[in-house]
């Protein structure tokens, strides 16, 4: 039975460089999957294809909740159901934190302003920054801005959350506060696909860990399987270098 996210033969090239070599992947509804691997292994390209931020080969297939990810009307439905948090926060600098979170539900879901504001304030409290609602993003720390970005994605009530290295642009002391928000989110039943270099987070939170290298899935398993008894030499070498660093 195909997963809630169903990927078959996913190929992506940038000119003569092949970023993804025919990836097959199924992610179940409510599953938390962490993707690890060296820089340039195709991790970010993989998740950017899921909501078509990157086009992919014509003979590749991605569906989310049974809806094909392709140009046209269906893409609007997919993007409404898939929230994404990037390395950079991508907040609107001219809008307050509250307005940043309210905007998409009002524009896309046509939520009344009062209802959108109530939802936004509730989400900002949930990610621990309710008191920052009336500030502009530039007045917040990086960790606070990333929590706003998470609240903004959640405001659309997505069925899937994609995280592309959400802590990589943060100062080390701010990483923990963002990971704590993500840990609490992992227990809510939302499907999560997280590209991360935070091995402790992957071990603690993921239902499944995927190791990618060279545009391929090298190994996939439970956190215990991947971190404690990896089967592939490439996985062992990568983890040895990362965990002993």
Protein backbone atom coordinates (compact mmCIF):
# COMPACT_ATOMS: atom_id res chain seq x y z
CA UNK A 1 0.00 0.00 0.00
CA UNK A 2 1.52 3.38 -0.98
CA UNK A 3 2.44 5.79 1.76
CA UNK A 4 0.82 9.14 2.43
CA UNK A 5 3.86 10.52 0.62
CA UNK A 6 4.56 8.17 -2.28
CA UNK A 7 7.72 8.67 -4.37
CA UNK A 8 8.77 6.48 -7.28
CA UNK A 9 11.82 6.77 -9.54
CA UNK A 10 12.47 10.37 -8.48
CA UNK A 11 15.15 11.84 -10.71
CA UNK A 12 16.44 15.39 -10.77
CA UNK A 13 19.32 16.93 -12.69
CA UNK A 14 20.84 20.37 -12.71
CA UNK A 15 22.42 20.59 -16.15
CA UNK A 16 24.89 17.72 -16.42
CA UNK A 17 24.82 17.07 -12.65
CA UNK A 18 22.40 14.39 -11.44
CA UNK A 19 21.17 15.30 -7.95
CA UNK A 20 18.73 12.39 -7.50
CA UNK A 21 19.14 8.94 -9.08
CA UNK A 22 15.68 7.31 -9.11
CA UNK A 23 14.62 7.59 -5.44
CA UNK A 24 11.83 5.29 -4.19
CA UNK A 25 10.31 6.29 -0.85
CA UNK A 26 7.03 5.87 1.04
CA UNK A 27 6.21 7.81 4.20
CA UNK A 28 3.20 6.76 6.23
CA UNK A 29 0.64 9.20 7.61
CA UNK A 30 1.89 10.49 10.97
CA UNK A 31 5.40 9.11 10.48
CA UNK A 32 8.43 11.22 11.46
CA UNK A 33 11.34 10.62 9.06
CA UNK A 34 14.75 12.25 9.39
CA UNK A 35 17.08 12.43 6.39
CA UNK A 36 20.80 12.62 7.11
CA UNK A 37 23.88 12.61 4.93
CA UNK A 38 26.80 14.74 3.71
CA UNK A 39 26.38 18.08 1.94
CA UNK A 40 25.45 17.63 -1.71
CA UNK A 41 23.86 14.22 -1.18
CA UNK A 42 20.44 15.31 -2.51
CA UNK A 43 18.61 15.68 0.82
CA UNK A 44 17.28 19.20 0.28
CA UNK A 45 16.52 18.52 -3.40
CA UNK A 46 14.41 15.52 -2.34
CA UNK A 47 12.11 17.51 -0.07
CA UNK A 48 11.98 20.51 -2.43
CA UNK A 49 10.56 18.18 -5.09
CA UNK A 50 7.70 17.14 -2.79
CA UNK A 51 5.95 20.51 -3.12
CA UNK A 52 7.45 21.20 -6.56
CA UNK A 53 9.88 23.90 -5.54
CA UNK A 54 12.10 21.88 -7.89
CA UNK A 55 10.78 20.31 -11.09
CA UNK A 56 11.68 16.67 -11.57
CA UNK A 57 11.95 14.19 -14.45
CA UNK A 58 8.79 13.43 -16.43
CA UNK A 59 8.96 9.69 -15.68
CA UNK A 60 9.14 10.29 -11.92
CA UNK A 61 6.07 10.14 -9.65
CA UNK A 62 5.24 11.90 -6.39
CA UNK A 63 1.82 11.85 -4.72
CA UNK A 64 0.79 13.40 -1.39
CA UNK A 65 -2.40 11.98 0.09
CA UNK A 66 -3.18 10.48 -3.30
CA UNK A 67 -2.85 13.82 -5.13
CA UNK A 68 -0.15 13.93 -7.84
CA UNK A 69 2.50 16.62 -7.35
CA UNK A 70 2.45 18.30 -10.74
CA UNK A 71 1.77 21.68 -12.30
CA UNK A 72 -1.87 22.78 -12.36
CA UNK A 73 -4.85 22.92 -10.01
CA UNK A 74 -3.74 19.88 -8.01
CA UNK A 75 -0.56 21.66 -6.95
CA UNK A 76 -2.57 24.26 -5.01
CA UNK A 77 -4.14 21.46 -2.96
CA UNK A 78 -0.76 19.84 -2.29
CA UNK A 79 0.84 23.12 -1.23
CA UNK A 80 -2.11 23.93 1.05
CA UNK A 81 -1.59 20.59 2.81
CA UNK A 82 2.23 20.72 2.96
CA UNK A 83 3.98 23.20 5.25
CA UNK A 84 7.68 23.91 4.74
CA UNK A 85 10.31 25.44 7.00
CA UNK A 86 13.56 26.52 5.37
CA UNK A 87 17.10 27.20 6.59
CA UNK A 88 16.46 30.91 6.19
CA UNK A 89 13.31 32.10 7.89
CA UNK A 90 11.73 33.80 4.83
CA UNK A 91 9.51 36.01 6.98
CA UNK A 92 8.01 39.20 5.59
CA UNK A 93 10.09 41.94 7.23
CA UNK A 94 7.43 44.65 6.79
CA UNK A 95 4.74 42.64 8.63
CA UNK A 96 4.52 42.01 12.35
CA UNK A 97 5.04 38.50 13.65
CA UNK A 98 1.27 38.18 14.11
CA UNK A 99 0.53 39.30 10.53
CA UNK A 100 3.18 36.93 9.15
CA UNK A 101 1.29 34.02 10.71
CA UNK A 102 -2.19 35.31 9.77
CA UNK A 103 -1.49 36.03 6.10
CA UNK A 104 -1.68 32.62 4.40
CA UNK A 105 -4.83 31.34 6.21
CA UNK A 106 -6.63 34.54 5.18
CA UNK A 107 -5.36 34.55 1.58
CA UNK A 108 -5.43 30.82 0.81
CA UNK A 109 -7.98 29.34 3.22
CA UNK A 110 -10.15 32.52 3.23
CA UNK A 111 -10.27 32.48 7.03
CA UNK A 112 -12.00 35.53 8.57
CA UNK A 113 -9.50 37.98 10.06
CA UNK A 114 -10.66 37.51 13.66
CA UNK A 115 -10.39 33.72 13.37
CA UNK A 116 -6.98 33.98 11.70
CA UNK A 117 -5.74 36.23 14.49
CA UNK A 118 -7.01 33.88 17.19
CA UNK A 119 -5.30 30.92 15.52
CA UNK A 120 -2.07 32.89 15.03
CA UNK A 121 -1.90 34.01 18.67
CA UNK A 122 -2.57 30.44 19.82
CA UNK A 123 0.23 29.07 17.61
CA UNK A 124 2.70 31.74 18.72
CA UNK A 125 1.97 30.80 22.33
CA UNK A 126 2.41 27.13 21.42
CA UNK A 127 5.91 27.77 20.02
CA UNK A 128 6.77 29.87 23.07
CA UNK A 129 6.78 33.40 21.66
CA UNK A 130 3.25 34.69 22.22
CA UNK A 131 4.62 37.88 23.74
CA UNK A 132 6.45 38.73 20.48
CA UNK A 133 3.27 38.93 18.36
CA UNK A 134 3.37 42.69 17.71
CA UNK A 135 7.10 42.95 16.97
CA UNK A 136 8.64 42.95 13.51
CA UNK A 137 10.85 39.97 12.57
CA UNK A 138 14.02 42.08 12.56
CA UNK A 139 13.63 42.63 16.30
CA UNK A 140 13.72 38.90 17.06
CA UNK A 141 16.63 36.49 17.50
CA UNK A 142 17.26 33.84 14.87
CA UNK A 143 15.75 31.14 17.05
CA UNK A 144 12.63 33.24 17.62
CA UNK A 145 12.30 33.95 13.89
CA UNK A 146 12.54 30.25 13.09
CA UNK A 147 9.79 29.55 15.64
CA UNK A 148 7.64 32.17 13.90
CA UNK A 149 8.33 30.37 10.61
CA UNK A 150 7.14 27.09 12.17
CA UNK A 151 4.00 28.79 13.54
CA UNK A 152 3.34 30.31 10.11
CA UNK A 153 3.54 26.88 8.46
CA UNK A 154 1.28 25.34 11.11
CA UNK A 155 -1.32 28.09 10.64
CA UNK A 156 -2.37 26.41 7.40
CA UNK A 157 -3.15 23.22 9.38
CA UNK A 158 -0.92 21.13 7.10
CA UNK A 159 -1.04 17.36 6.98
CA UNK A 160 2.69 17.24 6.18
CA UNK A 161 5.56 19.35 7.51
CA UNK A 162 8.85 19.51 5.58
CA UNK A 163 11.92 20.88 7.36
CA UNK A 164 15.04 21.71 5.34
CA UNK A 165 17.96 22.01 7.80
CA UNK A 166 15.85 24.28 10.06
CA UNK A 167 18.66 24.89 12.57
CA UNK A 168 21.66 25.23 10.26
CA UNK A 169 21.50 29.05 10.09
CA UNK A 170 21.16 29.45 13.86
CA UNK A 171 23.74 30.27 16.49
CA UNK A 172 24.44 27.12 18.55
CA UNK A 173 22.66 28.43 21.67
CA UNK A 174 19.45 28.95 19.65
CA UNK A 175 19.31 25.46 18.15
CA UNK A 176 17.79 23.80 21.21
CA UNK A 177 14.73 26.06 21.37
CA UNK A 178 13.80 25.25 17.76
CA UNK A 179 14.42 21.52 18.19
CA UNK A 180 12.19 21.55 21.31
CA UNK A 181 9.32 22.97 19.24
CA UNK A 182 9.88 20.30 16.59
CA UNK A 183 9.96 17.54 19.22
CA UNK A 184 6.59 18.66 20.59
CA UNK A 185 5.22 18.79 17.04
CA UNK A 186 6.39 15.23 16.36
CA UNK A 187 3.94 13.95 18.98
CA UNK A 188 0.87 15.52 17.37
CA UNK A 189 0.32 13.10 14.47
CA UNK A 190 1.47 15.41 11.69
CA UNK A 191 3.62 13.69 9.05
CA UNK A 192 7.16 15.09 9.23
CA UNK A 193 10.11 14.83 6.86
CA UNK A 194 13.17 16.50 8.36
CA UNK A 195 16.50 17.09 6.64
CA UNK A 196 18.89 17.60 9.54
CA UNK A 197 22.48 17.39 10.70
CA UNK A 198 21.31 17.19 14.34
CA UNK A 199 22.00 13.50 15.00
CA UNK A 200 20.73 13.60 18.58
CA UNK A 201 17.39 14.95 17.38
CA UNK A 202 17.15 12.29 14.66
CA UNK A 203 17.92 9.53 17.17
CA UNK A 204 15.41 10.80 19.72
CA UNK A 205 12.46 11.87 17.57
CA UNK A 206 12.45 9.94 14.27
CA UNK A 207 10.42 6.82 13.59
CA UNK A 208 12.80 6.19 10.70
CA UNK A 209 16.17 7.57 9.64
CA UNK A 210 17.29 7.69 6.01
CA UNK A 211 20.95 8.07 5.07
CA UNK A 212 21.55 9.60 1.64
CA UNK A 213 24.75 9.95 -0.35
CA UNK A 214 25.37 10.80 -4.00
CA UNK A 215 21.70 11.30 -4.77
CA UNK A 216 20.71 7.84 -3.55
CA UNK A 217 19.19 6.32 -0.41
CA UNK A 218 22.08 4.24 0.94
CA UNK A 219 20.34 2.91 4.03
CA UNK A 220 17.05 3.27 5.89
CA UNK A 221 15.94 1.98 9.28
CA UNK A 222 14.98 2.79 12.84
CA UNK A 223 17.25 5.21 14.71
CA UNK A 224 18.70 2.26 16.63
CA UNK A 225 19.47 0.37 13.40
CA UNK A 226 21.10 3.35 11.68
CA UNK A 227 23.06 4.76 14.61
CA UNK A 228 23.94 1.57 16.49
CA UNK A 229 24.21 -1.14 13.82
CA UNK A 230 24.49 0.47 10.35
CA UNK A 231 24.79 -2.15 7.62
CA UNK A 232 26.50 -0.10 4.92
CA UNK A 233 30.16 0.92 5.11
CA UNK A 234 29.34 4.38 3.73
CA UNK A 235 26.86 4.93 6.57
CA UNK A 236 29.42 3.76 9.15
CA UNK A 237 32.08 6.09 7.75
CA UNK A 238 29.73 9.09 7.72
CA UNK A 239 28.47 8.52 11.27
CA UNK A 240 32.00 7.85 12.50
CA UNK A 241 33.15 11.20 11.14
CA UNK A 242 30.08 13.13 12.37
CA UNK A 243 29.62 11.61 15.80
CA UNK A 244 33.31 11.70 16.68
CA UNK A 245 33.77 15.26 15.48
